[in-house]
Amino acid sequence: MRTTIVLARHGRTAWHHGNRYTGSTDLPIDEVGVQQALQLREWAVDYAPDALWASPMLRARQTITPTAEALGLTPTLDTRLREVDFGSAEGKMLSELPPSVAKAFQLDPVRDHFPGGEDPVQAADRVREVFDEIGRRHEGQKVLVVAHNTLIRLLVCRVLGLRLNEYRRLLPALGPAALVRFRWQDGTVGLEAYNVPAVRMETLA
């Protein structure tokens, strides 16, 4: 049976200004992020998912809470959905890092991930694991998952068989509260939509 899994990036935080790496830093969403969470709620009420999952990080929980309250569902919080830890880059823009570190990361963000940070291969492994678990546990249903920018892009590459070190080039953007829709069936995955604002996802149904 077909399972539809929609992943939403969390709403905006203060560090989106200047594109600072947030990673494992547990920031709340800002006033714009609150409005994005409400937009996600309005979309989700019409979409009527059967289950909700989310990263336990504050910005993800704040984003999914209005939807959970509107639908009367309790989100499953799973640490495997947390964002990649960016180590020495946490709280910094790429331009604020040592030039040698920034250049190496831009050339190969997997082999030369930020010092002290999580290996993106391990992050891709853990998110694929929980993604397949969601597919099995909610077979034939619709599931909404709130997670994070880099983690979602790594998942897209992993399930489509794309090189992980190409995630920044192949998937350069995923807006706050934007949606990514997958079809999951017996472990086989198809990508149906990417980086679509919640207010427009209905046009792709």
N, C-alpha and C. Protein backbone atom coordinates (compact mmCIF):
# COMPACT_ATOMS: atom_id res chain seq x y z
N MET A 1 0.84 -1.20 0.00
CA MET A 1 0.00 0.00 0.00
C MET A 1 0.88 1.26 0.00
N ARG A 2 0.37 2.26 -0.63
CA ARG A 2 1.11 3.51 -0.76
C ARG A 2 0.98 4.37 0.50
N THR A 3 2.10 4.88 0.95
CA THR A 3 2.14 5.85 2.05
C THR A 3 2.65 7.17 1.51
N THR A 4 1.99 8.26 1.85
CA THR A 4 2.47 9.59 1.45
C THR A 4 3.09 10.27 2.66
N ILE A 5 4.34 10.64 2.52
CA ILE A 5 5.07 11.29 3.61
C ILE A 5 5.46 12.69 3.14
N VAL A 6 4.95 13.69 3.82
CA VAL A 6 5.27 15.08 3.52
C VAL A 6 6.18 15.61 4.61
N LEU A 7 7.36 16.07 4.22
CA LEU A 7 8.27 16.69 5.17
C LEU A 7 8.21 18.20 5.02
N ALA A 8 8.09 18.89 6.13
CA ALA A 8 8.10 20.35 6.14
C ALA A 8 9.33 20.82 6.89
N ARG A 9 10.02 21.78 6.32
CA ARG A 9 11.08 22.43 7.10
C ARG A 9 10.40 23.31 8.16
N HIS A 10 11.04 23.46 9.30
CA HIS A 10 10.50 24.32 10.37
C HIS A 10 10.42 25.77 9.92
N GLY A 11 9.71 26.58 10.67
CA GLY A 11 9.59 28.00 10.37
C GLY A 11 10.88 28.76 10.62
N ARG A 12 10.89 29.99 10.20
CA ARG A 12 12.10 30.82 10.25
C ARG A 12 12.55 31.11 11.68
N THR A 13 13.86 31.20 11.88
CA THR A 13 14.45 31.63 13.15
C THR A 13 15.24 32.91 12.93
N ALA A 14 15.70 33.50 14.01
CA ALA A 14 16.48 34.74 13.90
C ALA A 14 17.75 34.54 13.10
N TRP A 15 18.30 33.35 13.09
CA TRP A 15 19.55 33.10 12.38
C TRP A 15 19.37 32.92 10.88
N HIS A 16 18.13 32.92 10.40
CA HIS A 16 17.96 32.89 8.95
C HIS A 16 18.45 34.18 8.32
N HIS A 17 18.44 35.27 9.07
CA HIS A 17 19.00 36.52 8.57
C HIS A 17 20.51 36.33 8.45
N GLY A 18 21.04 36.39 7.25
CA GLY A 18 22.45 36.15 7.05
C GLY A 18 22.80 34.69 6.84
N ASN A 19 21.79 33.82 6.93
CA ASN A 19 22.00 32.39 6.68
C ASN A 19 23.06 31.80 7.60
N ARG A 20 22.87 32.01 8.90
CA ARG A 20 23.79 31.43 9.88
C ARG A 20 23.45 29.95 10.10
N TYR A 21 24.48 29.15 10.29
CA TYR A 21 24.28 27.72 10.51
C TYR A 21 23.71 27.51 11.92
N THR A 22 22.53 26.91 11.97
CA THR A 22 21.85 26.70 13.24
C THR A 22 22.14 25.32 13.80
N GLY A 23 21.96 24.29 12.99
CA GLY A 23 22.34 22.95 13.39
C GLY A 23 21.78 22.51 14.72
N SER A 24 22.68 22.21 15.67
CA SER A 24 22.27 21.68 16.96
C SER A 24 21.89 22.77 17.96
N THR A 25 22.02 24.04 17.57
CA THR A 25 21.65 25.15 18.45
C THR A 25 20.12 25.21 18.52
N ASP A 26 19.58 25.18 19.73
CA ASP A 26 18.13 25.00 19.90
C ASP A 26 17.40 26.34 19.95
N LEU A 27 17.32 27.02 18.81
CA LEU A 27 16.68 28.32 18.73
C LEU A 27 15.17 28.19 18.52
N PRO A 28 14.40 29.19 19.00
CA PRO A 28 12.97 29.22 18.70
C PRO A 28 12.73 29.83 17.33
N ILE A 29 11.52 29.65 16.80
CA ILE A 29 11.16 30.37 15.59
C ILE A 29 10.86 31.83 15.93
N ASP A 30 11.03 32.72 14.94
CA ASP A 30 10.77 34.14 15.19
C ASP A 30 9.33 34.48 14.79
N GLU A 31 9.01 35.78 14.72
CA GLU A 31 7.63 36.17 14.45
C GLU A 31 7.18 35.74 13.06
N VAL A 32 8.10 35.75 12.11
CA VAL A 32 7.76 35.26 10.77
C VAL A 32 7.55 33.75 10.82
N GLY A 33 8.40 33.06 11.57
CA GLY A 33 8.26 31.62 11.72
C GLY A 33 6.93 31.23 12.33
N VAL A 34 6.43 32.04 13.26
CA VAL A 34 5.13 31.78 13.86
C VAL A 34 4.04 31.84 12.80
N GLN A 35 4.10 32.85 11.92
CA GLN A 35 3.12 32.95 10.85
C GLN A 35 3.24 31.78 9.88
N GLN A 36 4.45 31.34 9.63
CA GLN A 36 4.64 30.18 8.75
C GLN A 36 4.07 28.91 9.37
N ALA A 37 4.20 28.79 10.69
CA ALA A 37 3.61 27.64 11.37
C ALA A 37 2.09 27.66 11.26
N LEU A 38 1.50 28.85 11.30
CA LEU A 38 0.06 28.97 11.15
C LEU A 38 -0.38 28.65 9.72
N GLN A 39 0.43 29.04 8.74
CA GLN A 39 0.13 28.69 7.36
C GLN A 39 0.19 27.17 7.17
N LEU A 40 1.19 26.55 7.80
CA LEU A 40 1.29 25.10 7.72
C LEU A 40 0.04 24.45 8.32
N ARG A 41 -0.43 25.00 9.42
CA ARG A 41 -1.65 24.48 10.06
C ARG A 41 -2.83 24.56 9.10
N GLU A 42 -2.99 25.70 8.42
CA GLU A 42 -4.13 25.85 7.51
C GLU A 42 -4.05 24.83 6.38
N TRP A 43 -2.85 24.61 5.85
CA TRP A 43 -2.69 23.60 4.81
C TRP A 43 -3.00 22.21 5.36
N ALA A 44 -2.48 21.92 6.54
CA ALA A 44 -2.62 20.57 7.11
C ALA A 44 -4.07 20.25 7.45
N VAL A 45 -4.84 21.23 7.86
CA VAL A 45 -6.25 20.98 8.16
C VAL A 45 -6.97 20.48 6.91
N ASP A 46 -6.65 21.05 5.76
CA ASP A 46 -7.25 20.58 4.51
C ASP A 46 -6.66 19.25 4.08
N TYR A 47 -5.37 19.07 4.29
CA TYR A 47 -4.69 17.84 3.85
C TYR A 47 -5.08 16.65 4.71
N ALA A 48 -5.33 16.91 6.00
CA ALA A 48 -5.79 15.89 6.96
C ALA A 48 -4.85 14.69 7.06
N PRO A 49 -3.61 14.92 7.50
CA PRO A 49 -2.72 13.78 7.69
C PRO A 49 -3.22 12.87 8.81
N ASP A 50 -2.85 11.60 8.70
CA ASP A 50 -3.26 10.63 9.72
C ASP A 50 -2.33 10.64 10.92
N ALA A 51 -1.11 11.11 10.74
CA ALA A 51 -0.13 11.09 11.82
C ALA A 51 0.86 12.24 11.64
N LEU A 52 1.44 12.67 12.76
CA LEU A 52 2.45 13.74 12.77
C LEU A 52 3.72 13.22 13.42
N TRP A 53 4.86 13.56 12.83
CA TRP A 53 6.16 13.29 13.41
C TRP A 53 6.95 14.59 13.37
N ALA A 54 7.94 14.71 14.27
CA ALA A 54 8.75 15.93 14.27
C ALA A 54 10.08 15.69 14.97
N SER A 55 11.03 16.51 14.59
CA SER A 55 12.27 16.64 15.34
C SER A 55 11.93 17.16 16.73
N PRO A 56 12.67 16.73 17.76
CA PRO A 56 12.41 17.25 19.10
C PRO A 56 13.00 18.64 19.34
N MET A 57 13.70 19.21 18.36
CA MET A 57 14.29 20.52 18.54
C MET A 57 13.19 21.58 18.62
N LEU A 58 13.43 22.63 19.40
CA LEU A 58 12.41 23.62 19.72
C LEU A 58 11.76 24.21 18.48
N ARG A 59 12.55 24.57 17.49
CA ARG A 59 11.98 25.22 16.31
C ARG A 59 11.04 24.29 15.53
N ALA A 60 11.32 23.01 15.56
CA ALA A 60 10.43 22.05 14.90
C ALA A 60 9.16 21.84 15.73
N ARG A 61 9.31 21.73 17.04
CA ARG A 61 8.13 21.54 17.89
C ARG A 61 7.20 22.74 17.83
N GLN A 62 7.78 23.94 17.80
CA GLN A 62 6.94 25.14 17.71
C GLN A 62 6.23 25.22 16.36
N THR A 63 6.85 24.70 15.33
CA THR A 63 6.24 24.74 14.01
C THR A 63 5.08 23.76 13.89
N ILE A 64 5.20 22.61 14.50
CA ILE A 64 4.15 21.59 14.35
C ILE A 64 3.02 21.74 15.38
N THR A 65 3.26 22.48 16.45
CA THR A 65 2.26 22.57 17.51
C THR A 65 0.90 23.10 17.05
N PRO A 66 0.82 24.20 16.27
CA PRO A 66 -0.50 24.65 15.83
C PRO A 66 -1.25 23.59 15.02
N THR A 67 -0.52 22.85 14.19
CA THR A 67 -1.15 21.78 13.41
C THR A 67 -1.65 20.66 14.32
N ALA A 68 -0.82 20.27 15.28
CA ALA A 68 -1.20 19.20 16.20
C ALA A 68 -2.46 19.58 16.98
N GLU A 69 -2.52 20.82 17.44
CA GLU A 69 -3.68 21.27 18.21
C GLU A 69 -4.93 21.32 17.34
N ALA A 70 -4.78 21.76 16.10
CA ALA A 70 -5.94 21.86 15.22
C ALA A 70 -6.50 20.49 14.85
N LEU A 71 -5.61 19.51 14.70
CA LEU A 71 -6.03 18.18 14.27
C LEU A 71 -6.30 17.22 15.43
N GLY A 72 -5.91 17.63 16.63
CA GLY A 72 -6.09 16.75 17.77
C GLY A 72 -5.16 15.55 17.74
N LEU A 73 -3.98 15.73 17.16
CA LEU A 73 -2.99 14.66 17.06
C LEU A 73 -1.78 14.98 17.92
N THR A 74 -1.16 13.95 18.47
CA THR A 74 0.08 14.12 19.24
C THR A 74 1.26 13.74 18.37
N PRO A 75 2.17 14.65 18.09
CA PRO A 75 3.31 14.32 17.24
C PRO A 75 4.24 13.31 17.91
N THR A 76 4.77 12.41 17.13
CA THR A 76 5.85 11.54 17.58
C THR A 76 7.16 12.29 17.41
N LEU A 77 7.86 12.54 18.51
CA LEU A 77 9.14 13.24 18.46
C LEU A 77 10.26 12.21 18.40
N ASP A 78 11.14 12.34 17.43
CA ASP A 78 12.19 11.35 17.23
C ASP A 78 13.52 12.06 17.02
N THR A 79 14.51 11.72 17.83
CA THR A 79 15.81 12.39 17.76
C THR A 79 16.51 12.17 16.43
N ARG A 80 16.13 11.14 15.70
CA ARG A 80 16.75 10.91 14.39
C ARG A 80 16.36 11.98 13.38
N LEU A 81 15.34 12.78 13.71
CA LEU A 81 14.91 13.86 12.83
C LEU A 81 15.56 15.20 13.17
N ARG A 82 16.48 15.21 14.13
CA ARG A 82 17.16 16.46 14.50
C ARG A 82 18.07 16.91 13.35
N GLU A 83 18.42 18.19 13.38
CA GLU A 83 19.29 18.74 12.34
C GLU A 83 20.72 18.26 12.51
N VAL A 84 21.47 18.31 11.43
CA VAL A 84 22.89 17.99 11.45
C VAL A 84 23.60 18.97 12.37
N ASP A 85 24.53 18.49 13.19
CA ASP A 85 25.36 19.35 14.03
C ASP A 85 26.49 19.90 13.16
N PHE A 86 26.60 21.23 13.11
CA PHE A 86 27.60 21.86 12.25
C PHE A 86 28.90 22.21 12.96
N GLY A 87 29.07 21.75 14.18
CA GLY A 87 30.35 21.90 14.86
C GLY A 87 30.82 23.33 14.95
N SER A 88 32.02 23.60 14.44
CA SER A 88 32.64 24.92 14.55
C SER A 88 31.89 26.00 13.77
N ALA A 89 30.97 25.60 12.89
CA ALA A 89 30.22 26.58 12.09
C ALA A 89 28.94 27.04 12.77
N GLU A 90 28.57 26.43 13.88
CA GLU A 90 27.32 26.80 14.56
C GLU A 90 27.29 28.30 14.86
N GLY A 91 26.22 28.96 14.44
CA GLY A 91 26.04 30.38 14.71
C GLY A 91 26.82 31.30 13.78
N LYS A 92 27.49 30.73 12.80
CA LYS A 92 28.32 31.54 11.90
C LYS A 92 27.79 31.46 10.47
N MET A 93 28.10 32.50 9.71
CA MET A 93 27.88 32.47 8.27
C MET A 93 29.12 31.87 7.61
N LEU A 94 28.95 31.37 6.40
CA LEU A 94 30.07 30.76 5.69
C LEU A 94 31.22 31.75 5.55
N SER A 95 30.90 33.02 5.35
CA SER A 95 31.93 34.05 5.17
C SER A 95 32.71 34.33 6.44
N GLU A 96 32.21 33.89 7.59
CA GLU A 96 32.88 34.13 8.87
C GLU A 96 33.82 32.98 9.26
N LEU A 97 33.82 31.92 8.48
CA LEU A 97 34.69 30.78 8.77
C LEU A 97 36.07 30.98 8.16
N PRO A 98 37.09 30.29 8.66
CA PRO A 98 38.40 30.35 8.02
C PRO A 98 38.27 30.01 6.54
N PRO A 99 38.91 30.78 5.66
CA PRO A 99 38.75 30.54 4.22
C PRO A 99 39.04 29.11 3.79
N SER A 100 40.03 28.48 4.41
CA SER A 100 40.36 27.11 4.02
C SER A 100 39.23 26.14 4.38
N VAL A 101 38.59 26.36 5.53
CA VAL A 101 37.47 25.51 5.95
C VAL A 101 36.27 25.72 5.03
N ALA A 102 35.96 26.99 4.74
CA ALA A 102 34.82 27.30 3.88
C ALA A 102 35.01 26.74 2.48
N LYS A 103 36.21 26.89 1.93
CA LYS A 103 36.46 26.41 0.57
C LYS A 103 36.36 24.89 0.49
N ALA A 104 36.94 24.20 1.47
CA ALA A 104 36.89 22.74 1.47
C ALA A 104 35.45 22.26 1.59
N PHE A 105 34.67 22.92 2.43
CA PHE A 105 33.26 22.54 2.61
C PHE A 105 32.48 22.75 1.31
N GLN A 106 32.73 23.84 0.63
CA GLN A 106 32.01 24.11 -0.61
C GLN A 106 32.36 23.10 -1.69
N LEU A 107 33.59 22.62 -1.71
CA LEU A 107 34.01 21.65 -2.71
C LEU A 107 33.45 20.26 -2.42
N ASP A 108 33.42 19.88 -1.14
CA ASP A 108 32.90 18.57 -0.76
C ASP A 108 32.38 18.64 0.67
N PRO A 109 31.08 18.96 0.84
CA PRO A 109 30.52 19.15 2.18
C PRO A 109 30.37 17.87 2.99
N VAL A 110 30.62 16.73 2.37
CA VAL A 110 30.57 15.46 3.10
C VAL A 110 31.96 15.08 3.57
N ARG A 111 32.89 14.98 2.66
CA ARG A 111 34.26 14.62 3.04
C ARG A 111 34.86 15.67 3.98
N ASP A 112 34.60 16.95 3.68
CA ASP A 112 35.17 18.05 4.46
C ASP A 112 34.07 18.81 5.19
N HIS A 113 33.25 18.05 5.93
CA HIS A 113 32.22 18.73 6.74
C HIS A 113 32.89 19.55 7.83
N PHE A 114 32.14 20.41 8.47
CA PHE A 114 32.72 21.36 9.42
C PHE A 114 33.39 20.65 10.59
N PRO A 115 34.55 21.13 11.01
CA PRO A 115 35.26 20.51 12.13
C PRO A 115 34.39 20.43 13.38
N GLY A 116 34.38 19.27 14.01
CA GLY A 116 33.60 19.07 15.22
C GLY A 116 32.14 18.78 14.96
N GLY A 117 31.74 18.75 13.71
CA GLY A 117 30.35 18.52 13.37
C GLY A 117 30.06 17.07 13.05
N GLU A 118 28.78 16.80 12.81
CA GLU A 118 28.35 15.44 12.50
C GLU A 118 28.70 15.07 11.06
N ASP A 119 29.09 13.82 10.87
CA ASP A 119 29.34 13.30 9.54
C ASP A 119 28.01 13.24 8.78
N PRO A 120 27.88 13.92 7.64
CA PRO A 120 26.61 13.89 6.90
C PRO A 120 26.18 12.49 6.47
N VAL A 121 27.12 11.57 6.30
CA VAL A 121 26.76 10.20 5.95
C VAL A 121 25.97 9.57 7.10
N GLN A 122 26.42 9.80 8.32
CA GLN A 122 25.70 9.26 9.48
C GLN A 122 24.33 9.92 9.63
N ALA A 123 24.27 11.22 9.34
CA ALA A 123 22.98 11.92 9.41
C ALA A 123 22.01 11.36 8.37
N ALA A 124 22.52 11.10 7.16
CA ALA A 124 21.68 10.53 6.11
C ALA A 124 21.20 9.13 6.50
N ASP A 125 22.05 8.37 7.15
CA ASP A 125 21.68 7.02 7.58
C ASP A 125 20.54 7.07 8.60
N ARG A 126 20.67 7.97 9.58
CA ARG A 126 19.64 8.00 10.63
C ARG A 126 18.31 8.52 10.12
N VAL A 127 18.33 9.49 9.21
CA VAL A 127 17.05 10.00 8.72
C VAL A 127 16.41 9.00 7.75
N ARG A 128 17.21 8.25 7.00
CA ARG A 128 16.61 7.22 6.14
C ARG A 128 15.99 6.12 6.99
N GLU A 129 16.63 5.81 8.11
CA GLU A 129 16.11 4.79 9.01
C GLU A 129 14.73 5.18 9.54
N VAL A 130 14.60 6.41 10.04
CA VAL A 130 13.32 6.82 10.60
C VAL A 130 12.29 7.03 9.49
N PHE A 131 12.73 7.46 8.32
CA PHE A 131 11.83 7.62 7.18
C PHE A 131 11.17 6.29 6.82
N ASP A 132 11.96 5.24 6.74
CA ASP A 132 11.41 3.92 6.42
C ASP A 132 10.52 3.40 7.54
N GLU A 133 10.88 3.73 8.79
CA GLU A 133 10.03 3.32 9.91
C GLU A 133 8.66 3.99 9.82
N ILE A 134 8.66 5.28 9.46
CA ILE A 134 7.39 5.99 9.30
C ILE A 134 6.56 5.33 8.19
N GLY A 135 7.21 4.99 7.09
CA GLY A 135 6.50 4.34 6.00
C GLY A 135 5.87 3.02 6.40
N ARG A 136 6.61 2.23 7.17
CA ARG A 136 6.08 0.92 7.59
C ARG A 136 4.96 1.07 8.63
N ARG A 137 5.15 1.97 9.59
CA ARG A 137 4.18 2.11 10.67
C ARG A 137 2.87 2.74 10.21
N HIS A 138 2.92 3.51 9.14
CA HIS A 138 1.73 4.22 8.67
C HIS A 138 1.38 3.81 7.25
N GLU A 139 1.52 2.54 6.97
CA GLU A 139 1.26 2.04 5.62
C GLU A 139 -0.15 2.42 5.16
N GLY A 140 -0.23 3.00 3.97
CA GLY A 140 -1.51 3.40 3.41
C GLY A 140 -2.05 4.71 3.93
N GLN A 141 -1.28 5.40 4.76
CA GLN A 141 -1.75 6.65 5.36
C GLN A 141 -0.97 7.86 4.81
N LYS A 142 -1.35 9.03 5.32
CA LYS A 142 -0.65 10.28 5.02
C LYS A 142 0.00 10.78 6.30
N VAL A 143 1.27 11.15 6.20
CA VAL A 143 2.03 11.56 7.38
C VAL A 143 2.70 12.91 7.10
N LEU A 144 2.64 13.80 8.07
CA LEU A 144 3.36 15.07 8.01
C LEU A 144 4.49 15.04 9.01
N VAL A 145 5.69 15.40 8.55
CA VAL A 145 6.89 15.37 9.38
C VAL A 145 7.53 16.76 9.34
N VAL A 146 7.83 17.34 10.48
CA VAL A 146 8.55 18.62 10.53
C VAL A 146 9.99 18.35 10.93
N ALA A 147 10.90 18.75 10.06
CA ALA A 147 12.32 18.50 10.31
C ALA A 147 13.13 19.71 9.85
N HIS A 148 14.31 19.48 9.27
CA HIS A 148 15.29 20.55 9.08
C HIS A 148 15.89 20.55 7.67
N ASN A 149 16.41 21.69 7.31
CA ASN A 149 16.91 21.98 5.97
C ASN A 149 17.93 20.96 5.44
N THR A 150 19.09 20.90 6.08
CA THR A 150 20.14 20.01 5.59
C THR A 150 19.73 18.56 5.70
N LEU A 151 19.07 18.19 6.78
CA LEU A 151 18.67 16.80 6.97
C LEU A 151 17.71 16.36 5.87
N ILE A 152 16.76 17.21 5.51
CA ILE A 152 15.81 16.84 4.46
C ILE A 152 16.52 16.71 3.11
N ARG A 153 17.46 17.60 2.83
CA ARG A 153 18.18 17.51 1.55
C ARG A 153 19.04 16.24 1.49
N LEU A 154 19.63 15.87 2.61
CA LEU A 154 20.39 14.62 2.64
C LEU A 154 19.46 13.42 2.41
N LEU A 155 18.26 13.47 2.97
CA LEU A 155 17.30 12.40 2.78
C LEU A 155 16.91 12.28 1.31
N VAL A 156 16.64 13.41 0.67
CA VAL A 156 16.29 13.37 -0.75
C VAL A 156 17.39 12.69 -1.56
N CYS A 157 18.64 13.07 -1.31
CA CYS A 157 19.75 12.45 -2.03
C CYS A 157 19.84 10.95 -1.73
N ARG A 158 19.69 10.58 -0.47
CA ARG A 158 19.83 9.18 -0.09
C ARG A 158 18.75 8.30 -0.74
N VAL A 159 17.50 8.73 -0.68
CA VAL A 159 16.44 7.86 -1.20
C VAL A 159 16.41 7.83 -2.73
N LEU A 160 16.94 8.88 -3.38
CA LEU A 160 16.95 8.90 -4.84
C LEU A 160 18.26 8.37 -5.42
N GLY A 161 19.19 7.96 -4.56
CA GLY A 161 20.44 7.42 -5.03
C GLY A 161 21.40 8.46 -5.57
N LEU A 162 21.26 9.71 -5.13
CA LEU A 162 22.15 10.78 -5.57
C LEU A 162 23.35 10.87 -4.64
N ARG A 163 24.45 11.37 -5.14
CA ARG A 163 25.67 11.51 -4.33
C ARG A 163 25.42 12.51 -3.21
N LEU A 164 25.71 12.09 -1.99
CA LEU A 164 25.46 12.98 -0.85
C LEU A 164 26.27 14.27 -0.93
N ASN A 165 27.49 14.18 -1.46
CA ASN A 165 28.31 15.39 -1.50
C ASN A 165 27.84 16.40 -2.55
N GLU A 166 26.75 16.07 -3.27
CA GLU A 166 26.17 16.99 -4.24
C GLU A 166 24.91 17.67 -3.69
N TYR A 167 24.61 17.45 -2.41
CA TYR A 167 23.32 17.94 -1.92
C TYR A 167 23.20 19.46 -2.00
N ARG A 168 24.28 20.18 -1.81
CA ARG A 168 24.19 21.64 -1.85
C ARG A 168 24.02 22.16 -3.27
N ARG A 169 24.61 21.46 -4.24
CA ARG A 169 24.48 21.89 -5.63
C ARG A 169 23.15 21.45 -6.23
N LEU A 170 22.75 20.21 -5.99
CA LEU A 170 21.53 19.69 -6.59
C LEU A 170 20.27 20.25 -5.93
N LEU A 171 20.35 20.53 -4.63
CA LEU A 171 19.20 21.01 -3.87
C LEU A 171 19.59 22.29 -3.13
N PRO A 172 19.80 23.38 -3.86
CA PRO A 172 20.36 24.58 -3.24
C PRO A 172 19.43 25.32 -2.30
N ALA A 173 18.13 25.03 -2.36
CA ALA A 173 17.20 25.81 -1.55
C ALA A 173 16.08 24.95 -1.01
N LEU A 174 15.71 25.23 0.24
CA LEU A 174 14.50 24.68 0.85
C LEU A 174 14.01 25.73 1.83
N GLY A 175 12.97 26.43 1.46
CA GLY A 175 12.52 27.56 2.25
C GLY A 175 11.92 27.16 3.59
N PRO A 176 11.92 28.08 4.55
CA PRO A 176 11.26 27.81 5.83
C PRO A 176 9.80 27.43 5.63
N ALA A 177 9.39 26.34 6.27
CA ALA A 177 8.03 25.81 6.20
C ALA A 177 7.65 25.29 4.81
N ALA A 178 8.61 25.16 3.90
CA ALA A 178 8.33 24.58 2.58
C ALA A 178 8.18 23.06 2.71
N LEU A 179 7.49 22.48 1.74
CA LEU A 179 7.12 21.07 1.80
C LEU A 179 7.85 20.23 0.76
N VAL A 180 8.11 18.98 1.14
CA VAL A 180 8.70 17.98 0.25
C VAL A 180 7.82 16.74 0.37
N ARG A 181 7.30 16.26 -0.75
CA ARG A 181 6.36 15.14 -0.69
C ARG A 181 6.94 13.89 -1.34
N PHE A 182 6.90 12.78 -0.57
CA PHE A 182 7.39 11.49 -1.03
C PHE A 182 6.25 10.49 -1.14
N ARG A 183 6.39 9.56 -2.06
CA ARG A 183 5.55 8.37 -2.11
C ARG A 183 6.41 7.20 -1.64
N TRP A 184 5.96 6.49 -0.62
CA TRP A 184 6.68 5.34 -0.05
C TRP A 184 5.82 4.10 -0.21
N GLN A 185 6.37 3.06 -0.81
CA GLN A 185 5.61 1.83 -1.00
C GLN A 185 6.56 0.64 -0.95
N ASP A 186 6.43 -0.16 0.10
CA ASP A 186 7.28 -1.34 0.28
C ASP A 186 8.77 -0.99 0.20
N GLY A 187 9.13 0.15 0.76
CA GLY A 187 10.53 0.56 0.78
C GLY A 187 11.00 1.27 -0.47
N THR A 188 10.16 1.29 -1.50
CA THR A 188 10.49 2.01 -2.73
C THR A 188 9.96 3.44 -2.61
N VAL A 189 10.81 4.41 -2.95
CA VAL A 189 10.47 5.81 -2.70
C VAL A 189 10.48 6.61 -4.00
N GLY A 190 9.49 7.46 -4.15
CA GLY A 190 9.44 8.41 -5.25
C GLY A 190 9.26 9.82 -4.72
N LEU A 191 9.90 10.78 -5.35
CA LEU A 191 9.77 12.19 -4.96
C LEU A 191 8.70 12.83 -5.83
N GLU A 192 7.66 13.36 -5.21
CA GLU A 192 6.54 13.95 -5.95
C GLU A 192 6.57 15.47 -5.98
N ALA A 193 7.19 16.11 -4.99
CA ALA A 193 7.24 17.57 -4.96
C ALA A 193 8.38 17.99 -4.05
N TYR A 194 9.00 19.15 -4.38
CA TYR A 194 10.13 19.63 -3.58
C TYR A 194 10.06 21.14 -3.45
N ASN A 195 10.28 21.64 -2.24
CA ASN A 195 10.39 23.07 -1.94
C ASN A 195 9.14 23.84 -2.37
N VAL A 196 7.98 23.32 -2.01
CA VAL A 196 6.71 23.94 -2.36
C VAL A 196 6.12 24.60 -1.12
N PRO A 197 5.76 25.89 -1.18
CA PRO A 197 5.10 26.52 -0.05
C PRO A 197 3.81 25.79 0.31
N ALA A 198 3.52 25.70 1.57
CA ALA A 198 2.33 24.96 2.01
C ALA A 198 1.06 25.50 1.37
N VAL A 199 1.01 26.79 1.10
CA VAL A 199 -0.21 27.37 0.53
C VAL A 199 -0.42 26.94 -0.92
N ARG A 200 0.62 26.35 -1.56
CA ARG A 200 0.49 25.98 -2.96
C ARG A 200 0.54 24.47 -3.18
N MET A 201 0.79 23.70 -2.13
CA MET A 201 0.93 22.26 -2.31
C MET A 201 -0.34 21.64 -2.88
N GLU A 202 -1.49 22.21 -2.60
CA GLU A 202 -2.73 21.61 -3.09
C GLU A 202 -2.78 21.58 -4.61
N THR A 203 -2.03 22.45 -5.27
CA THR A 203 -2.05 22.47 -6.73
C THR A 203 -1.31 21.28 -7.31
N LEU A 204 -0.54 20.58 -6.48
CA LEU A 204 0.22 19.44 -6.95
C LEU A 204 -0.43 18.11 -6.56
N ALA A 205 -1.57 18.16 -5.93
CA ALA A 205 -2.23 16.94 -5.49
C ALA A 205 -2.72 16.11 -6.67
